[in-house]
């Protein structure tokens, strides 16, 4: 496993109703700063996105925000970070996040966060990248999503080995233990 430096964090542009989401986001930002992991994220100032940026910066860390120009023009960009990059499209944003990151952590979030996670996971299954991905499953937020992915494998739409392409973690320690032990193994994609 190559050394992990930059960590991309996918997360919601809302805080969510459970205060633990924000508490754990702030704790993650502090951890990443203390352990010299620059944060790559979506460049927003609202919700958990803003929280991961501010908590990392406040702890002396480095933050690289990547945001499409149309969202920046709506006033949604966090400008008090180390670097803010603009892209033309949402797809270019994901491409740049992949380029900048050595690993991914998926915090609670909405439809956009789900899409970012499943994009990186599907790209891993076809060997576009070999980087570790962790669901930060705070207070069991992602239990049903994980169950759906197990169901997908049980139904024959993906090999069970695909479940090893991501880490289902309930704590920061579990995430980084998972990263340390991660080995990308490309499964044979077809189940028939």
N, C-alpha and C. Protein backbone atom coordinates (compact mmCIF):
# COMPACT_ATOMS: atom_id res chain seq x y z
N UNK A 1 0.85 -1.20 0.00
CA UNK A 1 0.00 0.00 0.00
C UNK A 1 0.88 1.24 0.00
N UNK A 2 0.75 2.11 -1.00
CA UNK A 2 1.52 3.36 -1.01
C UNK A 2 1.16 4.24 0.19
N UNK A 3 2.09 5.09 0.56
CA UNK A 3 1.85 5.99 1.69
C UNK A 3 0.69 6.93 1.39
N UNK A 4 -0.17 7.09 2.37
CA UNK A 4 -1.31 7.99 2.23
C UNK A 4 -0.93 9.37 2.74
N UNK A 5 -1.06 10.36 1.89
CA UNK A 5 -0.82 11.76 2.26
C UNK A 5 -2.16 12.50 2.20
N UNK A 6 -2.58 12.88 1.00
CA UNK A 6 -3.82 13.64 0.86
C UNK A 6 -5.03 12.74 1.04
N UNK A 7 -5.98 13.19 1.85
CA UNK A 7 -7.20 12.43 2.09
C UNK A 7 -8.39 13.25 1.59
N UNK A 8 -9.15 12.68 0.66
CA UNK A 8 -10.36 13.32 0.17
C UNK A 8 -11.51 12.97 1.09
N UNK A 9 -12.25 13.98 1.51
CA UNK A 9 -13.41 13.78 2.37
C UNK A 9 -14.67 14.19 1.61
N UNK A 10 -15.57 13.23 1.43
CA UNK A 10 -16.89 13.50 0.86
C UNK A 10 -17.88 13.63 2.01
N UNK A 11 -18.73 14.65 1.97
CA UNK A 11 -19.68 14.84 3.06
C UNK A 11 -20.78 15.81 2.65
N UNK A 12 -21.77 15.92 3.51
CA UNK A 12 -22.96 16.69 3.21
C UNK A 12 -22.75 18.20 3.27
N UNK A 13 -23.55 18.91 2.49
CA UNK A 13 -23.57 20.37 2.55
C UNK A 13 -24.59 20.85 3.58
N UNK A 14 -25.19 19.91 4.30
CA UNK A 14 -25.97 20.19 5.50
C UNK A 14 -25.27 19.52 6.68
N UNK A 15 -25.68 19.92 7.90
CA UNK A 15 -25.09 19.32 9.10
C UNK A 15 -25.77 18.01 9.48
N UNK A 16 -27.01 17.80 9.05
CA UNK A 16 -27.78 16.67 9.54
C UNK A 16 -28.34 16.98 10.92
N UNK A 17 -29.31 16.20 11.34
CA UNK A 17 -29.98 16.47 12.61
C UNK A 17 -29.25 15.91 13.82
N UNK A 18 -28.43 14.89 13.63
CA UNK A 18 -27.72 14.27 14.74
C UNK A 18 -26.45 15.08 15.03
N UNK A 19 -26.32 15.67 16.23
CA UNK A 19 -25.12 16.48 16.52
C UNK A 19 -23.82 15.70 16.46
N UNK A 20 -23.91 14.37 16.56
CA UNK A 20 -22.69 13.55 16.48
C UNK A 20 -22.03 13.68 15.12
N UNK A 21 -22.82 13.91 14.07
CA UNK A 21 -22.24 14.06 12.73
C UNK A 21 -21.23 15.21 12.71
N UNK A 22 -21.63 16.36 13.26
CA UNK A 22 -20.75 17.53 13.29
C UNK A 22 -19.58 17.30 14.24
N UNK A 23 -19.84 16.70 15.39
CA UNK A 23 -18.77 16.44 16.36
C UNK A 23 -17.69 15.56 15.74
N UNK A 24 -18.09 14.50 15.07
CA UNK A 24 -17.12 13.58 14.49
C UNK A 24 -16.43 14.18 13.27
N UNK A 25 -17.13 15.04 12.53
CA UNK A 25 -16.50 15.74 11.42
C UNK A 25 -15.38 16.64 11.93
N UNK A 26 -15.66 17.39 12.99
CA UNK A 26 -14.64 18.26 13.58
C UNK A 26 -13.48 17.44 14.12
N UNK A 27 -13.78 16.32 14.75
CA UNK A 27 -12.71 15.45 15.27
C UNK A 27 -11.85 14.91 14.14
N UNK A 28 -12.48 14.56 13.02
CA UNK A 28 -11.72 14.07 11.87
C UNK A 28 -10.82 15.16 11.31
N UNK A 29 -11.34 16.37 11.17
CA UNK A 29 -10.51 17.47 10.68
C UNK A 29 -9.29 17.71 11.56
N UNK A 30 -9.50 17.67 12.87
CA UNK A 30 -8.38 17.85 13.80
C UNK A 30 -7.37 16.71 13.66
N UNK A 31 -7.88 15.48 13.54
CA UNK A 31 -7.00 14.32 13.39
C UNK A 31 -6.16 14.44 12.12
N UNK A 32 -6.80 14.78 11.01
CA UNK A 32 -6.09 14.88 9.74
C UNK A 32 -5.02 15.96 9.80
N UNK A 33 -5.33 17.09 10.43
CA UNK A 33 -4.33 18.15 10.57
C UNK A 33 -3.16 17.69 11.43
N UNK A 34 -3.45 17.06 12.57
CA UNK A 34 -2.39 16.61 13.49
C UNK A 34 -1.49 15.56 12.87
N UNK A 35 -2.03 14.76 11.95
CA UNK A 35 -1.27 13.68 11.34
C UNK A 35 -0.77 14.04 9.94
N UNK A 36 -0.78 15.34 9.62
CA UNK A 36 -0.19 15.84 8.38
C UNK A 36 -0.81 15.21 7.14
N UNK A 37 -2.15 15.14 7.16
CA UNK A 37 -2.90 14.68 5.98
C UNK A 37 -3.67 15.87 5.41
N UNK A 38 -3.18 16.51 4.36
CA UNK A 38 -3.97 17.55 3.73
C UNK A 38 -5.34 17.01 3.31
N UNK A 39 -6.36 17.83 3.49
CA UNK A 39 -7.73 17.45 3.15
C UNK A 39 -8.07 17.97 1.76
N UNK A 40 -8.59 17.08 0.95
CA UNK A 40 -9.18 17.44 -0.34
C UNK A 40 -10.68 17.30 -0.16
N UNK A 41 -11.44 18.32 -0.55
CA UNK A 41 -12.90 18.23 -0.37
C UNK A 41 -13.58 19.11 -1.40
N UNK A 42 -14.90 19.17 -1.35
CA UNK A 42 -15.68 19.81 -2.38
C UNK A 42 -15.72 21.32 -2.40
N UNK A 43 -14.98 21.98 -1.51
CA UNK A 43 -14.82 23.43 -1.58
C UNK A 43 -15.93 24.25 -0.99
N UNK A 44 -16.97 23.62 -0.44
CA UNK A 44 -18.11 24.37 0.08
C UNK A 44 -17.91 24.89 1.49
N UNK A 45 -18.73 25.89 1.85
CA UNK A 45 -18.63 26.49 3.18
C UNK A 45 -19.78 26.07 4.11
N UNK A 46 -20.78 25.38 3.58
CA UNK A 46 -21.95 25.02 4.37
C UNK A 46 -21.86 23.58 4.89
N UNK A 47 -22.60 23.31 5.95
CA UNK A 47 -22.78 21.96 6.45
C UNK A 47 -21.48 21.29 6.89
N UNK A 48 -21.45 19.97 6.76
CA UNK A 48 -20.25 19.22 7.14
C UNK A 48 -19.07 19.56 6.25
N UNK A 49 -19.35 19.98 5.01
CA UNK A 49 -18.26 20.41 4.12
C UNK A 49 -17.51 21.58 4.73
N UNK A 50 -18.23 22.59 5.15
CA UNK A 50 -17.58 23.74 5.79
C UNK A 50 -16.89 23.35 7.08
N UNK A 51 -17.51 22.43 7.82
CA UNK A 51 -16.95 22.01 9.11
C UNK A 51 -15.61 21.29 8.93
N UNK A 52 -15.52 20.39 7.94
CA UNK A 52 -14.25 19.67 7.76
C UNK A 52 -13.15 20.64 7.36
N UNK A 53 -13.49 21.64 6.55
CA UNK A 53 -12.49 22.63 6.13
C UNK A 53 -12.04 23.47 7.32
N UNK A 54 -12.99 24.00 8.09
CA UNK A 54 -12.63 24.89 9.20
C UNK A 54 -11.91 24.15 10.31
N UNK A 55 -12.37 22.94 10.63
CA UNK A 55 -11.72 22.21 11.73
C UNK A 55 -10.29 21.84 11.36
N UNK A 56 -10.06 21.50 10.10
CA UNK A 56 -8.70 21.18 9.65
C UNK A 56 -7.82 22.42 9.67
N UNK A 57 -8.33 23.52 9.13
CA UNK A 57 -7.55 24.76 9.11
C UNK A 57 -7.27 25.25 10.53
N UNK A 58 -8.28 25.21 11.40
CA UNK A 58 -8.12 25.69 12.78
C UNK A 58 -7.06 24.88 13.53
N UNK A 59 -6.88 23.62 13.14
CA UNK A 59 -5.88 22.76 13.80
C UNK A 59 -4.52 22.84 13.11
N UNK A 60 -4.38 23.77 12.16
CA UNK A 60 -3.08 23.98 11.51
C UNK A 60 -2.85 23.12 10.29
N UNK A 61 -3.91 22.50 9.75
CA UNK A 61 -3.78 21.64 8.59
C UNK A 61 -3.90 22.38 7.28
N UNK A 62 -3.81 21.61 6.22
CA UNK A 62 -3.91 22.15 4.85
C UNK A 62 -5.20 21.64 4.22
N UNK A 63 -5.90 22.52 3.50
CA UNK A 63 -7.17 22.15 2.87
C UNK A 63 -7.17 22.59 1.42
N UNK A 64 -7.49 21.64 0.54
CA UNK A 64 -7.60 21.90 -0.90
C UNK A 64 -9.07 21.72 -1.27
N UNK A 65 -9.73 22.82 -1.59
CA UNK A 65 -11.13 22.77 -2.00
C UNK A 65 -11.24 22.73 -3.52
N UNK A 66 -12.17 21.92 -4.01
CA UNK A 66 -12.38 21.78 -5.46
C UNK A 66 -13.86 21.97 -5.72
N UNK A 67 -14.21 23.04 -6.42
CA UNK A 67 -15.62 23.39 -6.58
C UNK A 67 -15.90 23.83 -8.01
N UNK A 68 -17.03 23.42 -8.57
CA UNK A 68 -17.38 23.93 -9.90
C UNK A 68 -17.63 25.43 -9.86
N UNK A 69 -17.29 26.11 -10.93
CA UNK A 69 -17.42 27.57 -10.99
C UNK A 69 -18.86 28.00 -10.70
N UNK A 70 -19.86 27.28 -11.19
CA UNK A 70 -21.24 27.73 -10.99
C UNK A 70 -21.63 27.71 -9.52
N UNK A 71 -21.08 26.80 -8.72
CA UNK A 71 -21.36 26.80 -7.28
C UNK A 71 -20.60 27.93 -6.59
N UNK A 72 -19.37 28.19 -7.04
CA UNK A 72 -18.60 29.29 -6.49
C UNK A 72 -19.30 30.62 -6.76
N UNK A 73 -19.85 30.76 -7.96
CA UNK A 73 -20.56 32.00 -8.32
C UNK A 73 -21.84 32.19 -7.51
N UNK A 74 -22.36 31.11 -6.93
CA UNK A 74 -23.54 31.20 -6.05
C UNK A 74 -23.15 31.59 -4.63
N UNK A 75 -21.85 31.80 -4.39
CA UNK A 75 -21.39 32.19 -3.06
C UNK A 75 -21.22 31.03 -2.10
N UNK A 76 -21.09 29.82 -2.62
CA UNK A 76 -21.03 28.64 -1.75
C UNK A 76 -19.62 28.19 -1.41
N UNK A 77 -18.60 28.81 -1.99
CA UNK A 77 -17.23 28.38 -1.77
C UNK A 77 -16.69 28.88 -0.44
N UNK A 78 -15.90 28.03 0.23
CA UNK A 78 -15.14 28.43 1.41
C UNK A 78 -13.81 29.00 0.93
N UNK A 79 -13.60 30.27 1.20
CA UNK A 79 -12.39 30.93 0.69
C UNK A 79 -11.25 30.95 1.70
N UNK A 80 -11.54 30.67 2.96
CA UNK A 80 -10.50 30.72 4.01
C UNK A 80 -9.82 29.36 4.15
N UNK A 81 -9.30 28.85 3.04
CA UNK A 81 -8.59 27.57 3.02
C UNK A 81 -7.27 27.75 2.28
N UNK A 82 -6.45 26.71 2.28
CA UNK A 82 -5.12 26.80 1.68
C UNK A 82 -5.19 27.05 0.18
N UNK A 83 -6.00 26.24 -0.52
CA UNK A 83 -6.10 26.31 -1.97
C UNK A 83 -7.54 26.08 -2.38
N UNK A 84 -8.06 26.90 -3.27
CA UNK A 84 -9.39 26.69 -3.84
C UNK A 84 -9.24 26.59 -5.35
N UNK A 85 -9.62 25.42 -5.88
CA UNK A 85 -9.56 25.19 -7.32
C UNK A 85 -10.97 25.18 -7.87
N UNK A 86 -11.16 25.75 -9.06
CA UNK A 86 -12.47 25.72 -9.71
C UNK A 86 -12.42 24.83 -10.94
N UNK A 87 -13.52 24.11 -11.16
CA UNK A 87 -13.66 23.26 -12.33
C UNK A 87 -14.87 23.72 -13.13
N UNK A 88 -14.94 23.28 -14.37
CA UNK A 88 -16.06 23.66 -15.22
C UNK A 88 -17.32 22.87 -14.88
N UNK A 89 -17.15 21.62 -14.47
CA UNK A 89 -18.31 20.75 -14.26
C UNK A 89 -18.15 19.93 -12.97
N UNK A 90 -19.26 19.29 -12.57
CA UNK A 90 -19.23 18.38 -11.43
C UNK A 90 -18.34 17.17 -11.73
N UNK A 91 -18.40 16.67 -12.96
CA UNK A 91 -17.57 15.52 -13.31
C UNK A 91 -16.08 15.86 -13.26
N UNK A 92 -15.73 17.05 -13.72
CA UNK A 92 -14.33 17.47 -13.64
C UNK A 92 -13.89 17.61 -12.18
N UNK A 93 -14.82 18.02 -11.32
CA UNK A 93 -14.52 18.11 -9.89
C UNK A 93 -14.13 16.74 -9.35
N UNK A 94 -14.92 15.70 -9.67
CA UNK A 94 -14.60 14.35 -9.19
C UNK A 94 -13.27 13.86 -9.77
N UNK A 95 -13.02 14.14 -11.04
CA UNK A 95 -11.75 13.75 -11.65
C UNK A 95 -10.57 14.39 -10.91
N UNK A 96 -10.71 15.66 -10.56
CA UNK A 96 -9.63 16.36 -9.86
C UNK A 96 -9.47 15.84 -8.43
N UNK A 97 -10.58 15.53 -7.78
CA UNK A 97 -10.50 14.94 -6.43
C UNK A 97 -9.75 13.61 -6.49
N UNK A 98 -10.06 12.80 -7.48
CA UNK A 98 -9.37 11.52 -7.63
C UNK A 98 -7.88 11.76 -7.85
N UNK A 99 -7.55 12.73 -8.67
CA UNK A 99 -6.14 13.01 -8.98
C UNK A 99 -5.39 13.48 -7.73
N UNK A 100 -6.05 14.31 -6.92
CA UNK A 100 -5.38 14.92 -5.76
C UNK A 100 -5.28 13.99 -4.55
N UNK A 101 -6.16 12.99 -4.46
CA UNK A 101 -6.28 12.20 -3.23
C UNK A 101 -5.52 10.88 -3.29
N UNK A 102 -5.09 10.44 -2.10
CA UNK A 102 -4.49 9.11 -1.93
C UNK A 102 -5.46 8.13 -1.28
N UNK A 103 -6.53 8.66 -0.68
CA UNK A 103 -7.54 7.85 -0.01
C UNK A 103 -8.80 8.69 0.13
N UNK A 104 -9.92 8.01 0.41
CA UNK A 104 -11.22 8.69 0.52
C UNK A 104 -11.91 8.31 1.82
N UNK A 105 -12.50 9.32 2.45
CA UNK A 105 -13.36 9.09 3.62
C UNK A 105 -14.72 9.69 3.29
N UNK A 106 -15.77 8.90 3.51
CA UNK A 106 -17.12 9.32 3.19
C UNK A 106 -17.89 9.53 4.50
N UNK A 107 -18.12 10.78 4.84
CA UNK A 107 -18.91 11.14 6.01
C UNK A 107 -20.40 11.09 5.65
N UNK A 108 -21.28 11.18 6.64
CA UNK A 108 -22.70 11.28 6.30
C UNK A 108 -22.97 12.44 5.34
N UNK A 109 -23.94 12.22 4.49
CA UNK A 109 -24.32 13.24 3.52
C UNK A 109 -25.53 12.79 2.75
N UNK A 110 -25.89 13.56 1.74
CA UNK A 110 -27.08 13.30 0.96
C UNK A 110 -26.78 12.68 -0.38
N UNK A 111 -27.63 12.96 -1.35
CA UNK A 111 -27.55 12.30 -2.65
C UNK A 111 -26.20 12.52 -3.33
N UNK A 112 -25.65 13.75 -3.21
CA UNK A 112 -24.36 14.03 -3.83
C UNK A 112 -23.24 13.21 -3.21
N UNK A 113 -23.29 13.04 -1.89
CA UNK A 113 -22.29 12.23 -1.19
C UNK A 113 -22.40 10.77 -1.59
N UNK A 114 -23.64 10.27 -1.70
CA UNK A 114 -23.84 8.89 -2.17
C UNK A 114 -23.21 8.71 -3.55
N UNK A 115 -23.46 9.69 -4.42
CA UNK A 115 -22.97 9.60 -5.79
C UNK A 115 -21.44 9.61 -5.83
N UNK A 116 -20.83 10.44 -4.99
CA UNK A 116 -19.36 10.49 -4.96
C UNK A 116 -18.79 9.15 -4.48
N UNK A 117 -19.41 8.59 -3.43
CA UNK A 117 -18.95 7.29 -2.92
C UNK A 117 -19.10 6.21 -3.97
N UNK A 118 -20.27 6.11 -4.58
CA UNK A 118 -20.48 5.02 -5.54
C UNK A 118 -19.65 5.21 -6.80
N UNK A 119 -19.36 6.45 -7.16
CA UNK A 119 -18.46 6.68 -8.30
C UNK A 119 -17.08 6.14 -7.99
N UNK A 120 -16.52 6.51 -6.85
CA UNK A 120 -15.18 6.05 -6.50
C UNK A 120 -15.14 4.54 -6.33
N UNK A 121 -16.21 3.97 -5.79
CA UNK A 121 -16.27 2.51 -5.61
C UNK A 121 -16.35 1.79 -6.96
N UNK A 122 -17.20 2.30 -7.86
CA UNK A 122 -17.32 1.65 -9.18
C UNK A 122 -16.04 1.82 -9.98
N UNK A 123 -15.37 2.96 -9.84
CA UNK A 123 -14.09 3.14 -10.52
C UNK A 123 -13.03 2.19 -9.96
N UNK A 124 -13.09 1.92 -8.66
CA UNK A 124 -12.16 0.96 -8.05
C UNK A 124 -12.39 -0.43 -8.61
N UNK A 125 -13.66 -0.80 -8.80
CA UNK A 125 -13.97 -2.17 -9.28
C UNK A 125 -13.51 -2.41 -10.71
N UNK A 126 -13.31 -1.33 -11.48
CA UNK A 126 -12.82 -1.50 -12.85
C UNK A 126 -11.38 -1.01 -13.01
N UNK A 127 -10.72 -0.81 -11.85
CA UNK A 127 -9.28 -0.51 -11.80
C UNK A 127 -8.91 0.87 -12.34
N UNK A 128 -9.84 1.80 -12.32
CA UNK A 128 -9.48 3.19 -12.64
C UNK A 128 -8.55 3.73 -11.57
N UNK A 129 -8.75 3.28 -10.33
CA UNK A 129 -7.83 3.61 -9.24
C UNK A 129 -7.76 2.42 -8.29
N UNK A 130 -6.76 2.45 -7.41
CA UNK A 130 -6.56 1.39 -6.41
C UNK A 130 -6.48 1.97 -5.00
N UNK A 131 -7.15 3.09 -4.78
CA UNK A 131 -7.05 3.82 -3.51
C UNK A 131 -8.11 3.35 -2.52
N UNK A 132 -7.77 3.35 -1.22
CA UNK A 132 -8.75 2.91 -0.23
C UNK A 132 -9.88 3.92 -0.05
N UNK A 133 -11.06 3.38 0.24
CA UNK A 133 -12.27 4.17 0.46
C UNK A 133 -12.86 3.72 1.79
N UNK A 134 -13.17 4.67 2.66
CA UNK A 134 -13.79 4.33 3.95
C UNK A 134 -15.11 5.05 4.10
N UNK A 135 -16.15 4.28 4.42
CA UNK A 135 -17.40 4.88 4.89
C UNK A 135 -17.22 5.16 6.38
N UNK A 136 -17.36 6.42 6.77
CA UNK A 136 -17.35 6.75 8.20
C UNK A 136 -18.80 6.62 8.66
N UNK A 137 -19.11 5.45 9.16
CA UNK A 137 -20.50 5.05 9.44
C UNK A 137 -20.91 5.52 10.84
N UNK A 138 -20.98 6.83 11.00
CA UNK A 138 -21.28 7.44 12.30
C UNK A 138 -22.71 7.09 12.72
N UNK A 139 -22.85 6.56 13.91
CA UNK A 139 -24.18 6.19 14.45
C UNK A 139 -24.99 5.35 13.47
N UNK A 140 -24.30 4.45 12.77
CA UNK A 140 -24.95 3.49 11.86
C UNK A 140 -25.62 4.16 10.66
N UNK A 141 -25.17 5.37 10.30
CA UNK A 141 -25.80 6.11 9.22
C UNK A 141 -25.83 5.32 7.91
N UNK A 142 -24.77 4.57 7.64
CA UNK A 142 -24.66 3.88 6.36
C UNK A 142 -25.05 2.40 6.41
N UNK A 143 -25.65 1.96 7.50
CA UNK A 143 -25.98 0.53 7.61
C UNK A 143 -26.86 0.04 6.46
N UNK A 144 -27.87 0.81 6.10
CA UNK A 144 -28.78 0.37 5.04
C UNK A 144 -28.09 0.38 3.68
N UNK A 145 -27.19 1.33 3.46
CA UNK A 145 -26.45 1.36 2.20
C UNK A 145 -25.54 0.14 2.09
N UNK A 146 -24.87 -0.20 3.18
CA UNK A 146 -24.02 -1.39 3.18
C UNK A 146 -24.87 -2.64 2.95
N UNK A 147 -26.03 -2.69 3.62
CA UNK A 147 -26.94 -3.84 3.43
C UNK A 147 -27.39 -3.95 1.97
N UNK A 148 -27.63 -2.82 1.32
CA UNK A 148 -28.03 -2.83 -0.09
C UNK A 148 -26.89 -3.36 -0.96
N UNK A 149 -25.66 -3.00 -0.63
CA UNK A 149 -24.53 -3.50 -1.42
C UNK A 149 -24.35 -5.01 -1.20
N UNK A 150 -24.57 -5.49 0.01
CA UNK A 150 -24.53 -6.94 0.26
C UNK A 150 -25.63 -7.63 -0.55
N UNK A 151 -26.82 -7.03 -0.55
CA UNK A 151 -27.94 -7.58 -1.32
C UNK A 151 -27.60 -7.64 -2.81
N UNK A 152 -26.94 -6.60 -3.31
CA UNK A 152 -26.51 -6.55 -4.71
C UNK A 152 -25.61 -7.74 -5.03
N UNK A 153 -24.69 -8.03 -4.13
CA UNK A 153 -23.79 -9.17 -4.34
C UNK A 153 -24.55 -10.49 -4.23
N UNK A 154 -25.43 -10.58 -3.23
CA UNK A 154 -26.21 -11.81 -3.05
C UNK A 154 -27.11 -12.09 -4.25
N UNK A 155 -27.55 -11.03 -4.91
CA UNK A 155 -28.43 -11.17 -6.07
C UNK A 155 -27.66 -11.42 -7.37
N UNK A 156 -26.34 -11.41 -7.30
CA UNK A 156 -25.54 -11.73 -8.47
C UNK A 156 -25.20 -10.57 -9.38
N UNK A 157 -25.33 -9.32 -8.88
CA UNK A 157 -25.01 -8.17 -9.72
C UNK A 157 -23.60 -7.63 -9.50
N UNK A 158 -22.92 -8.17 -8.51
CA UNK A 158 -21.52 -7.82 -8.27
C UNK A 158 -20.90 -8.97 -7.50
N UNK A 159 -19.60 -9.22 -7.70
CA UNK A 159 -18.94 -10.27 -6.93
C UNK A 159 -18.81 -9.85 -5.46
N UNK A 160 -18.90 -10.83 -4.55
CA UNK A 160 -18.79 -10.53 -3.12
C UNK A 160 -17.46 -9.86 -2.77
N UNK A 161 -16.43 -10.12 -3.59
CA UNK A 161 -15.12 -9.51 -3.34
C UNK A 161 -15.17 -7.98 -3.44
N UNK A 162 -16.18 -7.45 -4.14
CA UNK A 162 -16.30 -5.99 -4.23
C UNK A 162 -16.51 -5.35 -2.87
N UNK A 163 -17.06 -6.11 -1.93
CA UNK A 163 -17.27 -5.57 -0.59
C UNK A 163 -15.95 -5.29 0.12
N UNK A 164 -14.86 -5.86 -0.38
CA UNK A 164 -13.54 -5.60 0.19
C UNK A 164 -12.88 -4.35 -0.39
N UNK A 165 -13.54 -3.71 -1.35
CA UNK A 165 -12.99 -2.49 -1.96
C UNK A 165 -13.26 -1.24 -1.12
N UNK A 166 -14.03 -1.39 -0.03
CA UNK A 166 -14.25 -0.26 0.87
C UNK A 166 -14.22 -0.75 2.31
N UNK A 167 -14.00 0.20 3.21
CA UNK A 167 -13.92 -0.06 4.65
C UNK A 167 -15.16 0.52 5.29
N UNK A 168 -15.85 -0.28 6.08
CA UNK A 168 -17.03 0.18 6.82
C UNK A 168 -16.57 0.42 8.26
N UNK A 169 -16.39 1.69 8.63
CA UNK A 169 -15.76 2.04 9.91
C UNK A 169 -16.67 2.92 10.75
N UNK A 170 -16.67 2.68 12.06
CA UNK A 170 -17.48 3.50 12.96
C UNK A 170 -16.64 4.47 13.77
N UNK A 171 -15.33 4.50 13.55
CA UNK A 171 -14.46 5.42 14.29
C UNK A 171 -13.28 5.83 13.40
N UNK A 172 -12.64 6.92 13.79
CA UNK A 172 -11.46 7.39 13.05
C UNK A 172 -10.35 6.35 13.13
N UNK A 173 -10.19 5.72 14.29
CA UNK A 173 -9.15 4.70 14.44
C UNK A 173 -9.40 3.54 13.48
N UNK A 174 -10.66 3.12 13.34
CA UNK A 174 -10.98 2.03 12.41
C UNK A 174 -10.67 2.41 10.98
N UNK A 175 -10.94 3.66 10.62
CA UNK A 175 -10.65 4.12 9.26
C UNK A 175 -9.17 3.94 8.96
N UNK A 176 -8.32 4.44 9.86
CA UNK A 176 -6.88 4.43 9.56
C UNK A 176 -6.26 3.06 9.75
N UNK A 177 -6.83 2.23 10.60
CA UNK A 177 -6.42 0.82 10.65
C UNK A 177 -6.76 0.15 9.31
N UNK A 178 -7.95 0.44 8.81
CA UNK A 178 -8.36 -0.11 7.53
C UNK A 178 -7.47 0.35 6.39
N UNK A 179 -7.12 1.64 6.40
CA UNK A 179 -6.22 2.16 5.37
C UNK A 179 -4.87 1.44 5.43
N UNK A 180 -4.35 1.24 6.65
CA UNK A 180 -3.03 0.63 6.82
C UNK A 180 -3.01 -0.80 6.30
N UNK A 181 -4.14 -1.48 6.36
CA UNK A 181 -4.21 -2.89 5.97
C UNK A 181 -4.86 -3.12 4.61
N UNK A 182 -5.18 -2.03 3.90
CA UNK A 182 -5.90 -2.16 2.64
C UNK A 182 -4.98 -2.64 1.52
N UNK A 183 -5.46 -3.61 0.77
CA UNK A 183 -4.78 -4.06 -0.44
C UNK A 183 -5.83 -4.19 -1.53
N UNK A 184 -5.67 -3.39 -2.56
CA UNK A 184 -6.63 -3.42 -3.66
C UNK A 184 -6.46 -4.72 -4.43
N UNK A 185 -7.51 -5.50 -4.48
CA UNK A 185 -7.51 -6.72 -5.27
C UNK A 185 -8.66 -6.64 -6.25
N UNK A 186 -8.32 -6.62 -7.50
CA UNK A 186 -9.33 -6.46 -8.54
C UNK A 186 -10.10 -7.77 -8.70
N UNK A 187 -11.39 -7.78 -8.39
CA UNK A 187 -12.16 -9.01 -8.58
C UNK A 187 -12.50 -9.22 -10.06
N UNK A 188 -12.82 -10.46 -10.37
CA UNK A 188 -13.40 -10.70 -11.69
C UNK A 188 -14.81 -10.15 -11.65
N UNK A 189 -15.10 -9.16 -12.48
CA UNK A 189 -16.32 -8.37 -12.36
C UNK A 189 -17.60 -9.18 -12.56
N UNK A 190 -17.54 -10.21 -13.38
CA UNK A 190 -18.78 -10.89 -13.79
C UNK A 190 -19.10 -12.06 -12.86
N UNK A 191 -20.37 -12.22 -12.55
CA UNK A 191 -20.78 -13.23 -11.58
C UNK A 191 -21.31 -14.49 -12.27
N UNK A 192 -21.54 -14.46 -13.57
CA UNK A 192 -22.10 -15.62 -14.27
C UNK A 192 -20.99 -16.51 -14.80
